PDB file of N, CA and C in Angstrom:
ATOM      1  N   MET A   1    -112.127  13.077   1.097  1.00  0.00           N
ATOM      2  CA  MET A   1    -110.787  13.271   0.599  1.00  0.00           C
ATOM      3  C   MET A   1    -110.305  14.683   0.873  1.00  0.00           C
ATOM      4  N   ALA A   2    -111.199  15.647   0.696  1.00  0.00           N
ATOM      5  CA  ALA A   2    -110.809  17.049   0.912  1.00  0.00           C
ATOM      6  C   ALA A   2    -110.460  17.275   2.448  1.00  0.00           C
ATOM      7  N   ALA A   3    -111.187  16.563   3.276  1.00  0.00           N
ATOM      8  CA  ALA A   3    -110.888  16.626   4.730  1.00  0.00           C
ATOM      9  C   ALA A   3    -109.543  16.124   5.024  1.00  0.00           C
ATOM     10  N   ASP A   4    -109.123  15.072   4.321  1.00  0.00           N
ATOM     11  CA  ASP A   4    -107.760  14.511   4.570  1.00  0.00           C
ATOM     12  C   ASP A   4    -106.722  15.505   4.103  1.00  0.00           C
ATOM     13  N   VAL A   5    -106.942  16.161   2.988  1.00  0.00           N
ATOM     14  CA  VAL A   5    -105.913  17.154   2.525  1.00  0.00           C
ATOM     15  C   VAL A   5    -105.911  18.326   3.513  1.00  0.00           C
ATOM     16  N   LYS A   6    -107.049  18.745   3.957  1.00  0.00           N
ATOM     17  CA  LYS A   6    -107.022  19.876   4.872  1.00  0.00           C
ATOM     18  C   LYS A   6    -106.408  19.497   6.238  1.00  0.00           C
ATOM     19  N   ALA A   7    -106.662  18.318   6.690  1.00  0.00           N
ATOM     20  CA  ALA A   7    -106.001  17.860   7.905  1.00  0.00           C
ATOM     21  C   ALA A   7    -104.478  17.796   7.734  1.00  0.00           C
ATOM     22  N   TRP A   8    -104.046  17.330   6.544  1.00  0.00           N
ATOM     23  CA  TRP A   8    -102.578  17.218   6.316  1.00  0.00           C
ATOM     24  C   TRP A   8    -101.975  18.646   6.233  1.00  0.00           C
ATOM     25  N   VAL A   9    -102.626  19.584   5.608  1.00  0.00           N
ATOM     26  CA  VAL A   9    -102.157  20.978   5.556  1.00  0.00           C
ATOM     27  C   VAL A   9    -101.985  21.576   6.918  1.00  0.00           C
ATOM     28  N   GLU A  10    -103.072  21.389   7.714  1.00  0.00           N
ATOM     29  CA  GLU A  10    -103.077  21.828   9.135  1.00  0.00           C
ATOM     30  C   GLU A  10    -101.953  21.210   9.965  1.00  0.00           C
ATOM     31  N   GLY A  11    -101.789  19.964   9.816  1.00  0.00           N
ATOM     32  CA  GLY A  11    -100.718  19.177  10.494  1.00  0.00           C
ATOM     33  C   GLY A  11     -99.344  19.698  10.031  1.00  0.00           C
ATOM     34  N   THR A  12     -99.182  19.950   8.814  1.00  0.00           N
ATOM     35  CA  THR A  12     -97.923  20.442   8.238  1.00  0.00           C
ATOM     36  C   THR A  12     -97.626  21.854   8.827  1.00  0.00           C
ATOM     37  N   LYS A  13     -98.578  22.685   8.834  1.00  0.00           N
ATOM     38  CA  LYS A  13     -98.427  24.076   9.429  1.00  0.00           C
ATOM     39  C   LYS A  13     -98.089  24.018  10.886  1.00  0.00           C
ATOM     40  N   GLU A  14     -98.718  23.119  11.669  1.00  0.00           N
ATOM     41  CA  GLU A  14     -98.421  22.961  13.063  1.00  0.00           C
ATOM     42  C   GLU A  14     -97.006  22.500  13.286  1.00  0.00           C
ATOM     43  N   TYR A  15     -96.573  21.483  12.358  1.00  0.00           N
ATOM     44  CA  TYR A  15     -95.242  20.985  12.521  1.00  0.00           C
ATOM     45  C   TYR A  15     -94.214  22.124  12.214  1.00  0.00           C
ATOM     46  N   VAL A  16     -94.424  22.857  11.212  1.00  0.00           N
ATOM     47  CA  VAL A  16     -93.402  23.924  10.875  1.00  0.00           C
ATOM     48  C   VAL A  16     -93.413  24.908  12.008  1.00  0.00           C
ATOM     49  N   ASN A  17     -94.563  25.292  12.559  1.00  0.00           N
ATOM     50  CA  ASN A  17     -94.508  26.317  13.681  1.00  0.00           C
ATOM     51  C   ASN A  17     -93.822  25.728  14.894  1.00  0.00           C
ATOM     52  N   ASP A  18     -94.075  24.448  15.232  1.00  0.00           N
ATOM     53  CA  ASP A  18     -93.344  23.839  16.350  1.00  0.00           C
ATOM     54  C   ASP A  18     -91.827  23.764  16.043  1.00  0.00           C
ATOM     55  N   LEU A  19     -91.486  23.498  14.772  1.00  0.00           N
ATOM     56  CA  LEU A  19     -90.063  23.435  14.390  1.00  0.00           C
ATOM     57  C   LEU A  19     -89.461  24.850  14.582  1.00  0.00           C
ATOM     58  N   LYS A  20     -90.087  25.869  14.132  1.00  0.00           N
ATOM     59  CA  LYS A  20     -89.511  27.258  14.300  1.00  0.00           C
ATOM     60  C   LYS A  20     -89.304  27.546  15.828  1.00  0.00           C
ATOM     61  N   LEU A  21     -90.268  27.196  16.645  1.00  0.00           N
ATOM     62  CA  LEU A  21     -90.247  27.449  18.056  1.00  0.00           C
ATOM     63  C   LEU A  21     -89.046  26.686  18.684  1.00  0.00           C
ATOM     64  N   GLU A  22     -88.923  25.441  18.266  1.00  0.00           N
ATOM     65  CA  GLU A  22     -87.769  24.622  18.820  1.00  0.00           C
ATOM     66  C   GLU A  22     -86.437  25.130  18.391  1.00  0.00           C
ATOM     67  N   MET A  23     -86.345  25.629  17.094  1.00  0.00           N
ATOM     68  CA  MET A  23     -85.062  26.138  16.620  1.00  0.00           C
ATOM     69  C   MET A  23     -84.666  27.439  17.350  1.00  0.00           C
ATOM     70  N   ARG A  24     -85.649  28.176  17.845  1.00  0.00           N
ATOM     71  CA  ARG A  24     -85.300  29.391  18.666  1.00  0.00           C
ATOM     72  C   ARG A  24     -84.691  28.959  20.004  1.00  0.00           C
ATOM     73  N   ARG A  25     -85.017  27.796  20.482  1.00  0.00           N
ATOM     74  CA  ARG A  25     -84.589  27.352  21.777  1.00  0.00           C
ATOM     75  C   ARG A  25     -83.122  26.769  21.720  1.00  0.00           C
ATOM     76  N   VAL A  26     -82.659  26.455  20.541  1.00  0.00           N
ATOM     77  CA  VAL A  26     -81.379  25.774  20.380  1.00  0.00           C
ATOM     78  C   VAL A  26     -80.241  26.767  20.750  1.00  0.00           C
ATOM     79  N   THR A  27     -79.300  26.237  21.476  1.00  0.00           N
ATOM     80  CA  THR A  27     -78.111  27.031  21.772  1.00  0.00           C
ATOM     81  C   THR A  27     -77.052  26.563  20.816  1.00  0.00           C
ATOM     82  N   TRP A  28     -76.703  27.484  19.864  1.00  0.00           N
ATOM     83  CA  TRP A  28     -75.757  27.151  18.866  1.00  0.00           C
ATOM     84  C   TRP A  28     -74.255  27.431  19.323  1.00  0.00           C
ATOM     85  N   PRO A  29     -73.393  26.586  18.931  1.00  0.00           N
ATOM     86  CA  PRO A  29     -71.956  26.768  19.373  1.00  0.00           C
ATOM     87  C   PRO A  29     -71.366  27.974  18.606  1.00  0.00           C
ATOM     88  N   ASN A  30     -70.374  28.611  19.272  1.00  0.00           N
ATOM     89  CA  ASN A  30     -69.680  29.748  18.615  1.00  0.00           C
ATOM     90  C   ASN A  30     -68.582  29.127  17.692  1.00  0.00           C
ATOM     91  N   ARG A  31     -68.022  30.027  16.954  1.00  0.00           N
ATOM     92  CA  ARG A  31     -66.927  29.565  15.976  1.00  0.00           C
ATOM     93  C   ARG A  31     -65.770  28.910  16.637  1.00  0.00           C
ATOM     94  N   LYS A  32     -65.350  29.323  17.818  1.00  0.00           N
ATOM     95  CA  LYS A  32     -64.198  28.740  18.565  1.00  0.00           C
ATOM     96  C   LYS A  32     -64.514  27.357  18.926  1.00  0.00           C
ATOM     97  N   GLN A  33     -65.760  27.047  19.388  1.00  0.00           N
ATOM     98  CA  GLN A  33     -66.170  25.739  19.784  1.00  0.00           C
ATOM     99  C   GLN A  33     -66.195  24.850  18.587  1.00  0.00           C
ATOM    100  N   VAL A  34     -66.683  25.318  17.486  1.00  0.00           N
ATOM    101  CA  VAL A  34     -66.837  24.471  16.301  1.00  0.00           C
ATOM    102  C   VAL A  34     -65.433  24.089  15.755  1.00  0.00           C
ATOM    103  N   GLU A  35     -64.509  25.091  15.735  1.00  0.00           N
ATOM    104  CA  GLU A  35     -63.150  24.790  15.338  1.00  0.00           C
ATOM    105  C   GLU A  35     -62.465  23.776  16.233  1.00  0.00           C
ATOM    106  N   GLY A  36     -62.719  23.909  17.533  1.00  0.00           N
ATOM    107  CA  GLY A  36     -62.054  23.019  18.503  1.00  0.00           C
ATOM    108  C   GLY A  36     -62.560  21.590  18.341  1.00  0.00           C
ATOM    109  N   THR A  37     -63.881  21.393  18.178  1.00  0.00           N
ATOM    110  CA  THR A  37     -64.378  20.102  18.036  1.00  0.00           C
ATOM    111  C   THR A  37     -64.043  19.516  16.675  1.00  0.00           C
ATOM    112  N   THR A  38     -63.946  20.375  15.680  1.00  0.00           N
ATOM    113  CA  THR A  38     -63.562  19.851  14.380  1.00  0.00           C
ATOM    114  C   THR A  38     -62.104  19.354  14.369  1.00  0.00           C
ATOM    115  N   ALA A  39     -61.225  20.085  15.071  1.00  0.00           N
ATOM    116  CA  ALA A  39     -59.829  19.653  15.227  1.00  0.00           C
ATOM    117  C   ALA A  39     -59.851  18.270  15.981  1.00  0.00           C
ATOM    118  N   VAL A  40     -60.607  18.146  16.985  1.00  0.00           N
ATOM    119  CA  VAL A  40     -60.568  16.886  17.724  1.00  0.00           C
ATOM    120  C   VAL A  40     -61.017  15.703  16.812  1.00  0.00           C
ATOM    121  N   VAL A  41     -62.061  15.920  16.014  1.00  0.00           N
ATOM    122  CA  VAL A  41     -62.536  14.867  15.128  1.00  0.00           C
ATOM    123  C   VAL A  41     -61.502  14.546  14.077  1.00  0.00           C
ATOM    124  N   ILE A  42     -60.842  15.499  13.513  1.00  0.00           N
ATOM    125  CA  ILE A  42     -59.906  15.229  12.463  1.00  0.00           C
ATOM    126  C   ILE A  42     -58.640  14.561  13.005  1.00  0.00           C
ATOM    127  N   ILE A  43     -58.136  14.912  14.236  1.00  0.00           N
ATOM    128  CA  ILE A  43     -57.086  14.192  14.853  1.00  0.00           C
ATOM    129  C   ILE A  43     -57.462  12.799  15.189  1.00  0.00           C
ATOM    130  N   SER A  44     -58.685  12.620  15.732  1.00  0.00           N
ATOM    131  CA  SER A  44     -59.158  11.276  16.114  1.00  0.00           C
ATOM    132  C   SER A  44     -59.226  10.400  14.855  1.00  0.00           C
ATOM    133  N   VAL A  45     -59.634  10.871  13.752  1.00  0.00           N
ATOM    134  CA  VAL A  45     -59.697  10.102  12.523  1.00  0.00           C
ATOM    135  C   VAL A  45     -58.323   9.608  12.134  1.00  0.00           C
ATOM    136  N   PHE A  46     -57.381  10.471  12.202  1.00  0.00           N
ATOM    137  CA  PHE A  46     -56.010  10.036  11.829  1.00  0.00           C
ATOM    138  C   PHE A  46     -55.403   9.025  12.797  1.00  0.00           C
ATOM    139  N   VAL A  47     -55.684   9.232  14.091  1.00  0.00           N
ATOM    140  CA  VAL A  47     -55.159   8.327  15.134  1.00  0.00           C
ATOM    141  C   VAL A  47     -55.800   6.953  14.903  1.00  0.00           C
ATOM    142  N   PHE A  48     -57.119   6.847  14.771  1.00  0.00           N
ATOM    143  CA  PHE A  48     -57.748   5.590  14.479  1.00  0.00           C
ATOM    144  C   PHE A  48     -57.298   4.929  13.202  1.00  0.00           C
ATOM    145  N   ALA A  49     -57.081   5.728  12.158  1.00  0.00           N
ATOM    146  CA  ALA A  49     -56.612   5.222  10.850  1.00  0.00           C
ATOM    147  C   ALA A  49     -55.253   4.598  11.057  1.00  0.00           C
ATOM    148  N   ALA A  50     -54.316   5.277  11.807  1.00  0.00           N
ATOM    149  CA  ALA A  50     -53.066   4.647  12.028  1.00  0.00           C
ATOM    150  C   ALA A  50     -53.156   3.443  12.870  1.00  0.00           C
ATOM    151  N   TYR A  51     -53.972   3.414  13.872  1.00  0.00           N
ATOM    152  CA  TYR A  51     -54.178   2.217  14.658  1.00  0.00           C
ATOM    153  C   TYR A  51     -54.662   1.029  13.831  1.00  0.00           C
ATOM    154  N   PHE A  52     -55.668   1.234  12.969  1.00  0.00           N
ATOM    155  CA  PHE A  52     -56.206   0.178  12.201  1.00  0.00           C
ATOM    156  C   PHE A  52     -55.190  -0.247  11.127  1.00  0.00           C
ATOM    157  N   ALA A  53     -54.362   0.608  10.653  1.00  0.00           N
ATOM    158  CA  ALA A  53     -53.290   0.280   9.696  1.00  0.00           C
ATOM    159  C   ALA A  53     -52.296  -0.702  10.361  1.00  0.00           C
ATOM    160  N   VAL A  54     -51.944  -0.392  11.568  1.00  0.00           N
ATOM    161  CA  VAL A  54     -50.995  -1.227  12.349  1.00  0.00           C
ATOM    162  C   VAL A  54     -51.564  -2.640  12.577  1.00  0.00           C
ATOM    163  N   VAL A  55     -52.839  -2.615  13.079  1.00  0.00           N
ATOM    164  CA  VAL A  55     -53.521  -3.873  13.346  1.00  0.00           C
ATOM    165  C   VAL A  55     -53.718  -4.660  12.049  1.00  0.00           C
ATOM    166  N   ASP A  56     -54.077  -4.031  10.987  1.00  0.00           N
ATOM    167  CA  ASP A  56     -54.221  -4.773   9.702  1.00  0.00           C
ATOM    168  C   ASP A  56     -52.871  -5.324   9.194  1.00  0.00           C
ATOM    169  N   SER A  57     -51.834  -4.611   9.382  1.00  0.00           N
ATOM    170  CA  SER A  57     -50.507  -5.129   8.996  1.00  0.00           C
ATOM    171  C   SER A  57     -50.100  -6.321   9.850  1.00  0.00           C
ATOM    172  N   LEU A  58     -50.346  -6.263  11.117  1.00  0.00           N
ATOM    173  CA  LEU A  58     -50.023  -7.365  11.977  1.00  0.00           C
ATOM    174  C   LEU A  58     -50.816  -8.619  11.675  1.00  0.00           C
ATOM    175  N   LEU A  59     -52.129  -8.359  11.455  1.00  0.00           N
ATOM    176  CA  LEU A  59     -53.017  -9.560  11.128  1.00  0.00           C
ATOM    177  C   LEU A  59     -52.592 -10.145   9.744  1.00  0.00           C
ATOM    178  N   THR A  60     -52.258  -9.287   8.788  1.00  0.00           N
ATOM    179  CA  THR A  60     -51.835  -9.796   7.487  1.00  0.00           C
ATOM    180  C   THR A  60     -50.586 -10.638   7.598  1.00  0.00           C
ATOM    181  N   ARG A  61     -49.579 -10.126   8.377  1.00  0.00           N
ATOM    182  CA  ARG A  61     -48.376 -10.921   8.580  1.00  0.00           C
ATOM    183  C   ARG A  61     -48.673 -12.172   9.288  1.00  0.00           C
ATOM    184  N   GLY A  62     -49.532 -12.173  10.289  1.00  0.00           N
ATOM    185  CA  GLY A  62     -49.893 -13.392  10.982  1.00  0.00           C
ATOM    186  C   GLY A  62     -50.562 -14.440  10.148  1.00  0.00           C
ATOM    187  N   VAL A  63     -51.419 -13.979   9.279  1.00  0.00           N
ATOM    188  CA  VAL A  63     -52.201 -14.901   8.424  1.00  0.00           C
ATOM    189  C   VAL A  63     -51.234 -15.490   7.411  1.00  0.00           C
ATOM    190  N   LYS A  64     -50.328 -14.640   6.847  1.00  0.00           N
ATOM    191  CA  LYS A  64     -49.353 -15.132   5.908  1.00  0.00           C
ATOM    192  C   LYS A  64     -48.398 -16.176   6.542  1.00  0.00           C
ATOM    193  N   ALA A  65     -47.966 -15.905   7.776  1.00  0.00           N
ATOM    194  CA  ALA A  65     -47.125 -16.868   8.466  1.00  0.00           C
ATOM    195  C   ALA A  65     -47.812 -18.198   8.695  1.00  0.00           C
ATOM    196  N   ILE A  66     -49.121 -18.166   9.046  1.00  0.00           N
ATOM    197  CA  ILE A  66     -49.851 -19.380   9.232  1.00  0.00           C
ATOM    198  C   ILE A  66     -50.053 -20.108   7.920  1.00  0.00           C
ATOM    199  N   MET A  67     -50.307 -19.367   6.873  1.00  0.00           N
ATOM    200  CA  MET A  67     -50.454 -20.012   5.609  1.00  0.00           C
ATOM    201  C   MET A  67     -49.249 -20.667   5.059  1.00  0.00           C
ATOM    202  N   SER A  68     -48.014 -20.035   5.350  1.00  0.00           N
ATOM    203  CA  SER A  68     -46.744 -20.553   4.917  1.00  0.00           C
ATOM    204  C   SER A  68     -46.427 -21.785   5.706  1.00  0.00           C
ATOM    205  N   LEU A  69     -46.862 -21.907   6.960  1.00  0.00           N
ATOM    206  CA  LEU A  69     -46.665 -23.139   7.746  1.00  0.00           C
ATOM    207  C   LEU A  69     -47.552 -24.257   7.287  1.00  0.00           C
ATOM    208  N   ALA A  70     -48.697 -23.886   6.682  1.00  0.00           N
ATOM    209  CA  ALA A  70     -49.634 -24.911   6.280  1.00  0.00           C
ATOM    210  C   ALA A  70     -49.261 -25.549   5.011  1.00  0.00           C
ATOM    211  N   LYS A  71     -48.321 -24.976   4.286  1.00  0.00           N
ATOM    212  CA  LYS A  71     -47.967 -25.458   2.920  1.00  0.00           C
ATOM    213  C   LYS A  71     -47.228 -26.782   3.039  1.00  0.00           C
TER     214      LYS A  71
END
C-alpha cells in the first residue's frame, strides 16, 4: 500500500512538472486579440439568436395554421 502511495505521489509530481513545462510553451493572445475574438463571439450569439427567433416564429405560425385547418 505504501508503494502505491509513493507511486501516486511521484506520478503527481511528474504530471505537475510536465504541466509547468507545457504552459511555458503556450503562446498566449494579447489583449487586442482577446477583445477582437470576444466581439466576434458576442455578435455571432446575437445573430444566431435573431435567426432562431425568426425560424421559431415561422414554425409556430405554420403549426398554428395546420392546426386550424385540422379543426
